[in-house]
Amino acid sequence: MTDLLSAVALLLVLEGVLPAASPGAMRRVLLQAAAMDDGSLRKVGLLSMGIGALLLYWVRG
């Protein structure tokens, strides 16, 4: 359970970096994502999940 809470905490920290560092860039990223079609957005999400899963497998071995 500690690992899960640590992962959630790290996720929140990482997701807060862009809006804290550059709110304008965050707005542009969100506008670009909103303009993407569902298929492209889904592909980006699946690619991100795949990379994350491989990285986790590699790190946790």
C-alpha atoms as a PDB file:
ATOM      1  CA  MET A   1       0.000   0.000   0.000  1.00  0.00           C
ATOM      2  CA  THR A   2       2.926   2.314   0.712  1.00  0.00           C
ATOM      3  CA  ASP A   3       4.221   1.829  -2.840  1.00  0.00           C
ATOM      4  CA  LEU A   4       0.832   2.744  -4.291  1.00  0.00           C
ATOM      5  CA  LEU A   5       0.555   5.917  -2.221  1.00  0.00           C
ATOM      6  CA  SER A   6       4.129   6.837  -3.120  1.00  0.00           C
ATOM      7  CA  ALA A   7       3.326   6.372  -6.810  1.00  0.00           C
ATOM      8  CA  VAL A   8       0.201   8.559  -6.549  1.00  0.00           C
ATOM      9  CA  ALA A   9       2.156  11.240  -4.687  1.00  0.00           C
ATOM     10  CA  LEU A  10       4.891  11.215  -7.338  1.00  0.00           C
ATOM     11  CA  LEU A  11       2.263  11.420 -10.091  1.00  0.00           C
ATOM     12  CA  LEU A  12       0.753  14.515  -8.472  1.00  0.00           C
ATOM     13  CA  VAL A  13       4.165  16.144  -8.115  1.00  0.00           C
ATOM     14  CA  LEU A  14       5.084  15.458 -11.756  1.00  0.00           C
ATOM     15  CA  GLU A  15       1.716  16.626 -13.068  1.00  0.00           C
ATOM     16  CA  GLY A  16       2.099  19.870 -11.139  1.00  0.00           C
ATOM     17  CA  VAL A  17       5.477  20.765 -12.638  1.00  0.00           C
ATOM     18  CA  LEU A  18       4.272  22.132 -16.008  1.00  0.00           C
ATOM     19  CA  PRO A  19       1.422  24.316 -14.716  1.00  0.00           C
ATOM     20  CA  ALA A  20       3.632  25.662 -11.921  1.00  0.00           C
ATOM     21  CA  ALA A  21       6.607  26.354 -14.171  1.00  0.00           C
ATOM     22  CA  SER A  22       4.753  27.674 -17.216  1.00  0.00           C
ATOM     23  CA  PRO A  23       0.978  28.144 -17.033  1.00  0.00           C
ATOM     24  CA  GLY A  24       0.884  29.486 -20.603  1.00  0.00           C
ATOM     25  CA  ALA A  25       2.549  26.357 -21.973  1.00  0.00           C
ATOM     26  CA  MET A  26       0.100  24.224 -20.011  1.00  0.00           C
ATOM     27  CA  ARG A  27      -2.821  26.054 -21.609  1.00  0.00           C
ATOM     28  CA  ARG A  28      -1.346  25.540 -25.083  1.00  0.00           C
ATOM     29  CA  VAL A  29      -0.839  21.818 -24.437  1.00  0.00           C
ATOM     30  CA  LEU A  30      -4.431  21.432 -23.227  1.00  0.00           C
ATOM     31  CA  LEU A  31      -5.790  23.342 -26.232  1.00  0.00           C
ATOM     32  CA  GLN A  32      -3.793  21.121 -28.593  1.00  0.00           C
ATOM     33  CA  ALA A  33      -5.070  17.987 -26.835  1.00  0.00           C
ATOM     34  CA  ALA A  34      -8.656  19.275 -27.046  1.00  0.00           C
ATOM     35  CA  ALA A  35      -8.230  19.788 -30.797  1.00  0.00           C
ATOM     36  CA  MET A  36      -7.015  16.220 -31.397  1.00  0.00           C
ATOM     37  CA  ASP A  37      -9.427  13.616 -32.696  1.00  0.00           C
ATOM     38  CA  ASP A  38     -10.392  10.755 -30.378  1.00  0.00           C
ATOM     39  CA  GLY A  39      -8.290   8.168 -32.204  1.00  0.00           C
ATOM     40  CA  SER A  40      -5.085  10.189 -31.993  1.00  0.00           C
ATOM     41  CA  LEU A  41      -5.655  11.022 -28.357  1.00  0.00           C
ATOM     42  CA  ARG A  42      -6.314   7.353 -27.615  1.00  0.00           C
ATOM     43  CA  LYS A  43      -3.073   6.358 -29.384  1.00  0.00           C
ATOM     44  CA  VAL A  44      -1.078   8.867 -27.326  1.00  0.00           C
ATOM     45  CA  GLY A  45      -2.683   7.531 -24.140  1.00  0.00           C
ATOM     46  CA  LEU A  46      -1.961   3.915 -25.042  1.00  0.00           C
ATOM     47  CA  LEU A  47       1.627   4.737 -25.990  1.00  0.00           C
ATOM     48  CA  SER A  48       2.110   6.554 -22.685  1.00  0.00           C
ATOM     49  CA  MET A  49       0.654   3.609 -20.756  1.00  0.00           C
ATOM     50  CA  GLY A  50       2.891   1.169 -22.627  1.00  0.00           C
ATOM     51  CA  ILE A  51       6.040   3.181 -21.999  1.00  0.00           C
ATOM     52  CA  GLY A  52       5.105   3.564 -18.338  1.00  0.00           C
ATOM     53  CA  ALA A  53       4.460  -0.167 -17.950  1.00  0.00           C
ATOM     54  CA  LEU A  54       7.779  -1.059 -19.605  1.00  0.00           C
ATOM     55  CA  LEU A  55       9.646   1.455 -17.460  1.00  0.00           C
ATOM     56  CA  LEU A  56       8.005   0.105 -14.315  1.00  0.00           C
ATOM     57  CA  TYR A  57       8.864  -3.477 -15.323  1.00  0.00           C
ATOM     58  CA  TRP A  58      12.457  -2.446 -16.005  1.00  0.00           C
ATOM     59  CA  VAL A  59      12.837  -0.529 -12.725  1.00  0.00           C
ATOM     60  CA  ARG A  60      11.039  -3.015 -10.464  1.00  0.00           C
ATOM     61  CA  GLY A  61      12.413  -6.049 -12.332  1.00  0.00           C
END
